[in-house]
Amino acid sequence: MTEHDHLQENSKASPIESLRIERTKLTQDELAVRCGIPRSTYQRWIAGRTEAKLSLTQLKALCQELGIERVDELPDGFCPRLSDRPP
């Protein structure tokens, strides 16, 4: 399996990875570094092992890198909805 095949396989399960592939020429490492996210954390998100829980700074950086301008452009499953968080 080539790296491209592997990326396409991951993108089916991960909205973040799908957007990275569609909208940037960045590697996983480059995107993670630019957004202040540890690479291992990013990889757990795209593998579906953990849910993306970003700081506001990380979310802003990720949206900027992915060309997301409005909250309603975030795909379902991108990160937990505020209503899903405990009070």
PDB file of N, CA and C in Angstrom:
ATOM      1  N   MET A   1       0.854  -1.183   0.000  1.00  0.00           N
ATOM      2  CA  MET A   1       0.000   0.000   0.000  1.00  0.00           C
ATOM      3  C   MET A   1       0.895   1.239   0.000  1.00  0.00           C
ATOM      4  N   THR A   2       0.621   2.148  -0.904  1.00  0.00           N
ATOM      5  CA  THR A   2       1.410   3.369  -0.979  1.00  0.00           C
ATOM      6  C   THR A   2       0.958   4.361   0.092  1.00  0.00           C
ATOM      7  N   GLU A   3       1.778   5.396   0.309  1.00  0.00           N
ATOM      8  CA  GLU A   3       1.415   6.424   1.286  1.00  0.00           C
ATOM      9  C   GLU A   3       0.109   7.098   0.876  1.00  0.00           C
ATOM     10  N   HIS A   4      -0.066   7.351  -0.435  1.00  0.00           N
ATOM     11  CA  HIS A   4      -1.293   7.984  -0.921  1.00  0.00           C
ATOM     12  C   HIS A   4      -2.512   7.109  -0.618  1.00  0.00           C
ATOM     13  N   ASP A   5      -2.400   5.791  -0.834  1.00  0.00           N
ATOM     14  CA  ASP A   5      -3.498   4.863  -0.529  1.00  0.00           C
ATOM     15  C   ASP A   5      -3.816   4.897   0.958  1.00  0.00           C
ATOM     16  N   HIS A   6      -2.763   4.924   1.767  1.00  0.00           N
ATOM     17  CA  HIS A   6      -2.938   4.959   3.216  1.00  0.00           C
ATOM     18  C   HIS A   6      -3.647   6.255   3.626  1.00  0.00           C
ATOM     19  N   LEU A   7      -3.255   7.385   3.023  1.00  0.00           N
ATOM     20  CA  LEU A   7      -3.891   8.665   3.343  1.00  0.00           C
ATOM     21  C   LEU A   7      -5.358   8.650   2.940  1.00  0.00           C
ATOM     22  N   GLN A   8      -5.673   8.084   1.786  1.00  0.00           N
ATOM     23  CA  GLN A   8      -7.056   8.018   1.355  1.00  0.00           C
ATOM     24  C   GLN A   8      -7.877   7.141   2.294  1.00  0.00           C
ATOM     25  N   GLU A   9      -7.283   6.049   2.765  1.00  0.00           N
ATOM     26  CA  GLU A   9      -7.969   5.165   3.702  1.00  0.00           C
ATOM     27  C   GLU A   9      -8.275   5.907   5.001  1.00  0.00           C
ATOM     28  N   ASN A  10      -7.286   6.655   5.527  1.00  0.00           N
ATOM     29  CA  ASN A  10      -7.487   7.432   6.744  1.00  0.00           C
ATOM     30  C   ASN A  10      -8.522   8.525   6.544  1.00  0.00           C
ATOM     31  N   SER A  11      -8.539   9.142   5.368  1.00  0.00           N
ATOM     32  CA  SER A  11      -9.445  10.266   5.145  1.00  0.00           C
ATOM     33  C   SER A  11     -10.899   9.830   5.189  1.00  0.00           C
ATOM     34  N   LYS A  12     -11.195   8.577   4.903  1.00  0.00           N
ATOM     35  CA  LYS A  12     -12.567   8.098   4.954  1.00  0.00           C
ATOM     36  C   LYS A  12     -13.103   8.137   6.379  1.00  0.00           C
ATOM     37  N   ALA A  13     -12.232   7.943   7.337  1.00  0.00           N
ATOM     38  CA  ALA A  13     -12.659   7.904   8.730  1.00  0.00           C
ATOM     39  C   ALA A  13     -12.459   9.232   9.438  1.00  0.00           C
ATOM     40  N   SER A  14     -11.748  10.168   8.834  1.00  0.00           N
ATOM     41  CA  SER A  14     -11.380  11.382   9.535  1.00  0.00           C
ATOM     42  C   SER A  14     -11.680  12.643   8.737  1.00  0.00           C
ATOM     43  N   PRO A  15     -12.616  13.458   9.226  1.00  0.00           N
ATOM     44  CA  PRO A  15     -12.900  14.719   8.538  1.00  0.00           C
ATOM     45  C   PRO A  15     -11.680  15.647   8.493  1.00  0.00           C
ATOM     46  N   ILE A  16     -10.879  15.646   9.549  1.00  0.00           N
ATOM     47  CA  ILE A  16      -9.699  16.514   9.594  1.00  0.00           C
ATOM     48  C   ILE A  16      -8.702  16.096   8.515  1.00  0.00           C
ATOM     49  N   GLU A  17      -8.442  14.817   8.422  1.00  0.00           N
ATOM     50  CA  GLU A  17      -7.478  14.320   7.438  1.00  0.00           C
ATOM     51  C   GLU A  17      -7.981  14.530   6.013  1.00  0.00           C
ATOM     52  N   SER A  18      -9.261  14.333   5.829  1.00  0.00           N
ATOM     53  CA  SER A  18      -9.844  14.555   4.509  1.00  0.00           C
ATOM     54  C   SER A  18      -9.647  16.004   4.065  1.00  0.00           C
ATOM     55  N   LEU A  19      -9.898  16.951   4.960  1.00  0.00           N
ATOM     56  CA  LEU A  19      -9.702  18.362   4.633  1.00  0.00           C
ATOM     57  C   LEU A  19      -8.235  18.684   4.381  1.00  0.00           C
ATOM     58  N   ARG A  20      -7.345  18.086   5.163  1.00  0.00           N
ATOM     59  CA  ARG A  20      -5.904  18.325   4.959  1.00  0.00           C
ATOM     60  C   ARG A  20      -5.502  17.915   3.551  1.00  0.00           C
ATOM     61  N   ILE A  21      -5.951  16.764   3.127  1.00  0.00           N
ATOM     62  CA  ILE A  21      -5.593  16.238   1.809  1.00  0.00           C
ATOM     63  C   ILE A  21      -6.223  17.083   0.696  1.00  0.00           C
ATOM     64  N   GLU A  22      -7.485  17.466   0.876  1.00  0.00           N
ATOM     65  CA  GLU A  22      -8.200  18.220  -0.155  1.00  0.00           C
ATOM     66  C   GLU A  22      -7.731  19.664  -0.285  1.00  0.00           C
ATOM     67  N   ARG A  23      -7.403  20.297   0.846  1.00  0.00           N
ATOM     68  CA  ARG A  23      -7.196  21.745   0.836  1.00  0.00           C
ATOM     69  C   ARG A  23      -5.755  22.214   1.005  1.00  0.00           C
ATOM     70  N   THR A  24      -4.852  21.306   1.339  1.00  0.00           N
ATOM     71  CA  THR A  24      -3.469  21.730   1.548  1.00  0.00           C
ATOM     72  C   THR A  24      -2.506  20.784   0.846  1.00  0.00           C
ATOM     73  N   LYS A  25      -1.271  21.194   0.820  1.00  0.00           N
ATOM     74  CA  LYS A  25      -0.189  20.329   0.341  1.00  0.00           C
ATOM     75  C   LYS A  25       0.701  19.954   1.524  1.00  0.00           C
ATOM     76  N   LEU A  26       0.191  20.173   2.734  1.00  0.00           N
ATOM     77  CA  LEU A  26       0.961  19.917   3.945  1.00  0.00           C
ATOM     78  C   LEU A  26       0.944  18.439   4.301  1.00  0.00           C
ATOM     79  N   THR A  27       2.048  17.978   4.880  1.00  0.00           N
ATOM     80  CA  THR A  27       2.077  16.633   5.441  1.00  0.00           C
ATOM     81  C   THR A  27       1.368  16.677   6.794  1.00  0.00           C
ATOM     82  N   GLN A  28       1.109  15.520   7.345  1.00  0.00           N
ATOM     83  CA  GLN A  28       0.527  15.456   8.685  1.00  0.00           C
ATOM     84  C   GLN A  28       1.416  16.193   9.681  1.00  0.00           C
ATOM     85  N   ASP A  29       2.714  15.948   9.595  1.00  0.00           N
ATOM     86  CA  ASP A  29       3.661  16.605  10.503  1.00  0.00           C
ATOM     87  C   ASP A  29       3.615  18.121  10.368  1.00  0.00           C
ATOM     88  N   GLU A  30       3.617  18.619   9.141  1.00  0.00           N
ATOM     89  CA  GLU A  30       3.618  20.062   8.911  1.00  0.00           C
ATOM     90  C   GLU A  30       2.345  20.708   9.468  1.00  0.00           C
ATOM     91  N   LEU A  31       1.206  20.086   9.215  1.00  0.00           N
ATOM     92  CA  LEU A  31      -0.047  20.635   9.721  1.00  0.00           C
ATOM     93  C   LEU A  31      -0.052  20.633  11.248  1.00  0.00           C
ATOM     94  N   ALA A  32       0.355  19.542  11.835  1.00  0.00           N
ATOM     95  CA  ALA A  32       0.368  19.451  13.299  1.00  0.00           C
ATOM     96  C   ALA A  32       1.280  20.529  13.900  1.00  0.00           C
ATOM     97  N   VAL A  33       2.476  20.689  13.362  1.00  0.00           N
ATOM     98  CA  VAL A  33       3.422  21.691  13.879  1.00  0.00           C
ATOM     99  C   VAL A  33       2.843  23.091  13.740  1.00  0.00           C
ATOM    100  N   ARG A  34       2.291  23.416  12.578  1.00  0.00           N
ATOM    101  CA  ARG A  34       1.731  24.755  12.350  1.00  0.00           C
ATOM    102  C   ARG A  34       0.571  25.064  13.285  1.00  0.00           C
ATOM    103  N   CYS A  35      -0.110  24.021  13.750  1.00  0.00           N
ATOM    104  CA  CYS A  35      -1.284  24.220  14.608  1.00  0.00           C
ATOM    105  C   CYS A  35      -0.991  23.985  16.084  1.00  0.00           C
ATOM    106  N   GLY A  36       0.254  23.657  16.403  1.00  0.00           N
ATOM    107  CA  GLY A  36       0.613  23.428  17.802  1.00  0.00           C
ATOM    108  C   GLY A  36       0.020  22.154  18.378  1.00  0.00           C
ATOM    109  N   ILE A  37      -0.147  21.149  17.521  1.00  0.00           N
ATOM    110  CA  ILE A  37      -0.721  19.870  17.934  1.00  0.00           C
ATOM    111  C   ILE A  37       0.375  18.804  17.849  1.00  0.00           C
ATOM    112  N   PRO A  38       0.595  18.033  18.914  1.00  0.00           N
ATOM    113  CA  PRO A  38       1.577  16.955  18.822  1.00  0.00           C
ATOM    114  C   PRO A  38       1.203  15.972  17.702  1.00  0.00           C
ATOM    115  N   ARG A  39       2.201  15.538  16.955  1.00  0.00           N
ATOM    116  CA  ARG A  39       1.944  14.634  15.818  1.00  0.00           C
ATOM    117  C   ARG A  39       1.208  13.379  16.275  1.00  0.00           C
ATOM    118  N   SER A  40       1.607  12.822  17.396  1.00  0.00           N
ATOM    119  CA  SER A  40       0.962  11.596  17.881  1.00  0.00           C
ATOM    120  C   SER A  40      -0.513  11.839  18.203  1.00  0.00           C
ATOM    121  N   THR A  41      -0.830  13.018  18.703  1.00  0.00           N
ATOM    122  CA  THR A  41      -2.225  13.366  18.981  1.00  0.00           C
ATOM    123  C   THR A  41      -3.010  13.456  17.677  1.00  0.00           C
ATOM    124  N   TYR A  42      -2.437  14.136  16.684  1.00  0.00           N
ATOM    125  CA  TYR A  42      -3.092  14.255  15.376  1.00  0.00           C
ATOM    126  C   TYR A  42      -3.350  12.871  14.796  1.00  0.00           C
ATOM    127  N   GLN A  43      -2.376  11.994  14.889  1.00  0.00           N
ATOM    128  CA  GLN A  43      -2.528  10.645  14.330  1.00  0.00           C
ATOM    129  C   GLN A  43      -3.611   9.850  15.064  1.00  0.00           C
ATOM    130  N   ARG A  44      -3.733  10.047  16.381  1.00  0.00           N
ATOM    131  CA  ARG A  44      -4.808   9.381  17.113  1.00  0.00           C
ATOM    132  C   ARG A  44      -6.174   9.895  16.670  1.00  0.00           C
ATOM    133  N   TRP A  45      -6.263  11.209  16.374  1.00  0.00           N
ATOM    134  CA  TRP A  45      -7.526  11.781  15.899  1.00  0.00           C
ATOM    135  C   TRP A  45      -7.932  11.155  14.580  1.00  0.00           C
ATOM    136  N   ILE A  46      -7.007  11.111  13.627  1.00  0.00           N
ATOM    137  CA  ILE A  46      -7.377  10.624  12.298  1.00  0.00           C
ATOM    138  C   ILE A  46      -7.614   9.117  12.278  1.00  0.00           C
ATOM    139  N   ALA A  47      -7.012   8.412  13.236  1.00  0.00           N
ATOM    140  CA  ALA A  47      -7.238   6.965  13.329  1.00  0.00           C
ATOM    141  C   ALA A  47      -8.543   6.663  14.073  1.00  0.00           C
ATOM    142  N   GLY A  48      -9.150   7.692  14.678  1.00  0.00           N
ATOM    143  CA  GLY A  48     -10.384   7.494  15.418  1.00  0.00           C
ATOM    144  C   GLY A  48     -10.182   6.926  16.803  1.00  0.00           C
ATOM    145  N   ARG A  49      -8.942   6.939  17.296  1.00  0.00           N
ATOM    146  CA  ARG A  49      -8.674   6.402  18.635  1.00  0.00           C
ATOM    147  C   ARG A  49      -9.029   7.390  19.733  1.00  0.00           C
ATOM    148  N   THR A  50      -8.971   8.687  19.418  1.00  0.00           N
ATOM    149  CA  THR A  50      -9.388   9.713  20.371  1.00  0.00           C
ATOM    150  C   THR A  50     -10.149  10.791  19.621  1.00  0.00           C
ATOM    151  N   GLU A  51     -10.940  11.528  20.359  1.00  0.00           N
ATOM    152  CA  GLU A  51     -11.715  12.622  19.787  1.00  0.00           C
ATOM    153  C   GLU A  51     -10.889  13.891  19.832  1.00  0.00           C
ATOM    154  N   ALA A  52     -10.967  14.687  18.789  1.00  0.00           N
ATOM    155  CA  ALA A  52     -10.219  15.939  18.742  1.00  0.00           C
ATOM    156  C   ALA A  52     -10.762  16.902  19.788  1.00  0.00           C
ATOM    157  N   LYS A  53      -9.900  17.310  20.693  1.00  0.00           N
ATOM    158  CA  LYS A  53     -10.247  18.298  21.712  1.00  0.00           C
ATOM    159  C   LYS A  53      -9.180  19.375  21.641  1.00  0.00           C
ATOM    160  N   LEU A  54      -9.491  20.408  20.910  1.00  0.00           N
ATOM    161  CA  LEU A  54      -8.510  21.452  20.628  1.00  0.00           C
ATOM    162  C   LEU A  54      -8.673  22.643  21.565  1.00  0.00           C
ATOM    163  N   SER A  55      -7.548  23.305  21.821  1.00  0.00           N
ATOM    164  CA  SER A  55      -7.618  24.596  22.486  1.00  0.00           C
ATOM    165  C   SER A  55      -8.131  25.599  21.454  1.00  0.00           C
ATOM    166  N   LEU A  56      -8.550  26.765  21.897  1.00  0.00           N
ATOM    167  CA  LEU A  56      -9.024  27.782  20.963  1.00  0.00           C
ATOM    168  C   LEU A  56      -7.915  28.185  19.995  1.00  0.00           C
ATOM    169  N   THR A  57      -6.693  28.290  20.498  1.00  0.00           N
ATOM    170  CA  THR A  57      -5.551  28.643  19.646  1.00  0.00           C
ATOM    171  C   THR A  57      -5.326  27.581  18.573  1.00  0.00           C
ATOM    172  N   GLN A  58      -5.387  26.305  18.957  1.00  0.00           N
ATOM    173  CA  GLN A  58      -5.207  25.220  17.996  1.00  0.00           C
ATOM    174  C   GLN A  58      -6.338  25.201  16.973  1.00  0.00           C
ATOM    175  N   LEU A  59      -7.577  25.415  17.440  1.00  0.00           N
ATOM    176  CA  LEU A  59      -8.720  25.418  16.538  1.00  0.00           C
ATOM    177  C   LEU A  59      -8.608  26.545  15.519  1.00  0.00           C
ATOM    178  N   LYS A  60      -8.221  27.735  15.979  1.00  0.00           N
ATOM    179  CA  LYS A  60      -8.044  28.862  15.060  1.00  0.00           C
ATOM    180  C   LYS A  60      -6.968  28.559  14.020  1.00  0.00           C
ATOM    181  N   ALA A  61      -5.840  28.007  14.466  1.00  0.00           N
ATOM    182  CA  ALA A  61      -4.737  27.688  13.551  1.00  0.00           C
ATOM    183  C   ALA A  61      -5.158  26.614  12.546  1.00  0.00           C
ATOM    184  N   LEU A  62      -5.852  25.595  13.024  1.00  0.00           N
ATOM    185  CA  LEU A  62      -6.287  24.517  12.142  1.00  0.00           C
ATOM    186  C   LEU A  62      -7.279  25.040  11.106  1.00  0.00           C
ATOM    187  N   CYS A  63      -8.214  25.866  11.542  1.00  0.00           N
ATOM    188  CA  CYS A  63      -9.176  26.448  10.597  1.00  0.00           C
ATOM    189  C   CYS A  63      -8.468  27.312   9.569  1.00  0.00           C
ATOM    190  N   GLN A  64      -7.496  28.084  10.002  1.00  0.00           N
ATOM    191  CA  GLN A  64      -6.746  28.932   9.068  1.00  0.00           C
ATOM    192  C   GLN A  64      -6.017  28.071   8.039  1.00  0.00           C
ATOM    193  N   GLU A  65      -5.339  27.033   8.484  1.00  0.00           N
ATOM    194  CA  GLU A  65      -4.583  26.170   7.571  1.00  0.00           C
ATOM    195  C   GLU A  65      -5.502  25.430   6.600  1.00  0.00           C
ATOM    196  N   LEU A  66      -6.709  25.083   7.049  1.00  0.00           N
ATOM    197  CA  LEU A  66      -7.631  24.317   6.216  1.00  0.00           C
ATOM    198  C   LEU A  66      -8.586  25.202   5.423  1.00  0.00           C
ATOM    199  N   GLY A  67      -8.471  26.518   5.586  1.00  0.00           N
ATOM    200  CA  GLY A  67      -9.314  27.436   4.839  1.00  0.00           C
ATOM    201  C   GLY A  67     -10.756  27.456   5.313  1.00  0.00           C
ATOM    202  N   ILE A  68     -10.967  27.197   6.591  1.00  0.00           N
ATOM    203  CA  ILE A  68     -12.305  27.228   7.174  1.00  0.00           C
ATOM    204  C   ILE A  68     -12.509  28.604   7.782  1.00  0.00           C
ATOM    205  N   GLU A  69     -13.523  29.327   7.287  1.00  0.00           N
ATOM    206  CA  GLU A  69     -13.754  30.698   7.729  1.00  0.00           C
ATOM    207  C   GLU A  69     -14.890  30.832   8.728  1.00  0.00           C
ATOM    208  N   ARG A  70     -15.836  29.897   8.707  1.00  0.00           N
ATOM    209  CA  ARG A  70     -16.980  29.987   9.614  1.00  0.00           C
ATOM    210  C   ARG A  70     -17.168  28.655  10.335  1.00  0.00           C
ATOM    211  N   VAL A  71     -17.680  28.725  11.546  1.00  0.00           N
ATOM    212  CA  VAL A  71     -17.894  27.523  12.343  1.00  0.00           C
ATOM    213  C   VAL A  71     -18.795  26.524  11.629  1.00  0.00           C
ATOM    214  N   ASP A  72     -19.792  27.013  10.904  1.00  0.00           N
ATOM    215  CA  ASP A  72     -20.700  26.085  10.234  1.00  0.00           C
ATOM    216  C   ASP A  72     -20.044  25.351   9.063  1.00  0.00           C
ATOM    217  N   GLU A  73     -18.816  25.717   8.706  1.00  0.00           N
ATOM    218  CA  GLU A  73     -18.076  24.991   7.669  1.00  0.00           C
ATOM    219  C   GLU A  73     -17.327  23.784   8.240  1.00  0.00           C
ATOM    220  N   LEU A  74     -17.255  23.696   9.571  1.00  0.00           N
ATOM    221  CA  LEU A  74     -16.594  22.551  10.196  1.00  0.00           C
ATOM    222  C   LEU A  74     -17.421  21.300   9.934  1.00  0.00           C
ATOM    223  N   PRO A  75     -16.786  20.223   9.494  1.00  0.00           N
ATOM    224  CA  PRO A  75     -17.541  18.998   9.225  1.00  0.00           C
ATOM    225  C   PRO A  75     -18.005  18.338  10.522  1.00  0.00           C
ATOM    226  N   ASP A  76     -19.104  17.590  10.444  1.00  0.00           N
ATOM    227  CA  ASP A  76     -19.558  16.819  11.594  1.00  0.00           C
ATOM    228  C   ASP A  76     -18.434  15.889  12.030  1.00  0.00           C
ATOM    229  N   GLY A  77     -18.291  15.722  13.321  1.00  0.00           N
ATOM    230  CA  GLY A  77     -17.251  14.850  13.836  1.00  0.00           C
ATOM    231  C   GLY A  77     -15.888  15.499  13.930  1.00  0.00           C
ATOM    232  N   PHE A  78     -15.795  16.781  13.588  1.00  0.00           N
ATOM    233  CA  PHE A  78     -14.508  17.486  13.622  1.00  0.00           C
ATOM    234  C   PHE A  78     -13.997  17.615  15.045  1.00  0.00           C
ATOM    235  N   CYS A  79     -14.872  18.008  15.951  1.00  0.00           N
ATOM    236  CA  CYS A  79     -14.562  18.074  17.381  1.00  0.00           C
ATOM    237  C   CYS A  79     -15.881  18.034  18.136  1.00  0.00           C
ATOM    238  N   PRO A  80     -15.863  17.773  19.445  1.00  0.00           N
ATOM    239  CA  PRO A  80     -17.120  17.640  20.181  1.00  0.00           C
ATOM    240  C   PRO A  80     -17.941  18.921  20.145  1.00  0.00           C
ATOM    241  N   ARG A  81     -19.240  18.770  20.047  1.00  0.00           N
ATOM    242  CA  ARG A  81     -20.133  19.919  20.108  1.00  0.00           C
ATOM    243  C   ARG A  81     -20.178  20.433  21.534  1.00  0.00           C
ATOM    244  N   LEU A  82     -20.360  21.717  21.684  1.00  0.00           N
ATOM    245  CA  LEU A  82     -20.420  22.312  23.017  1.00  0.00           C
ATOM    246  C   LEU A  82     -21.516  21.676  23.853  1.00  0.00           C
ATOM    247  N   SER A  83     -22.636  21.315  23.240  1.00  0.00           N
ATOM    248  CA  SER A  83     -23.729  20.709  23.991  1.00  0.00           C
ATOM    249  C   SER A  83     -23.385  19.310  24.492  1.00  0.00           C
ATOM    250  N   ASP A  84     -22.346  18.684  23.930  1.00  0.00           N
ATOM    251  CA  ASP A  84     -21.936  17.346  24.361  1.00  0.00           C
ATOM    252  C   ASP A  84     -21.007  17.394  25.562  1.00  0.00           C
ATOM    253  N   ARG A  85     -20.508  18.568  25.896  1.00  0.00           N
ATOM    254  CA  ARG A  85     -19.557  18.685  26.994  1.00  0.00           C
ATOM    255  C   ARG A  85     -20.298  18.790  28.314  1.00  0.00           C
ATOM    256  N   PRO A  86     -19.735  18.225  29.367  1.00  0.00           N
ATOM    257  CA  PRO A  86     -20.376  18.325  30.672  1.00  0.00           C
ATOM    258  C   PRO A  86     -20.400  19.779  31.144  1.00  0.00           C
ATOM    259  N   PRO A  87     -21.415  20.147  31.937  1.00  0.00           N
ATOM    260  CA  PRO A  87     -21.512  21.529  32.408  1.00  0.00           C
ATOM    261  C   PRO A  87     -20.383  21.922  33.325  1.00  0.00           C
TER     262      PRO A  87
END
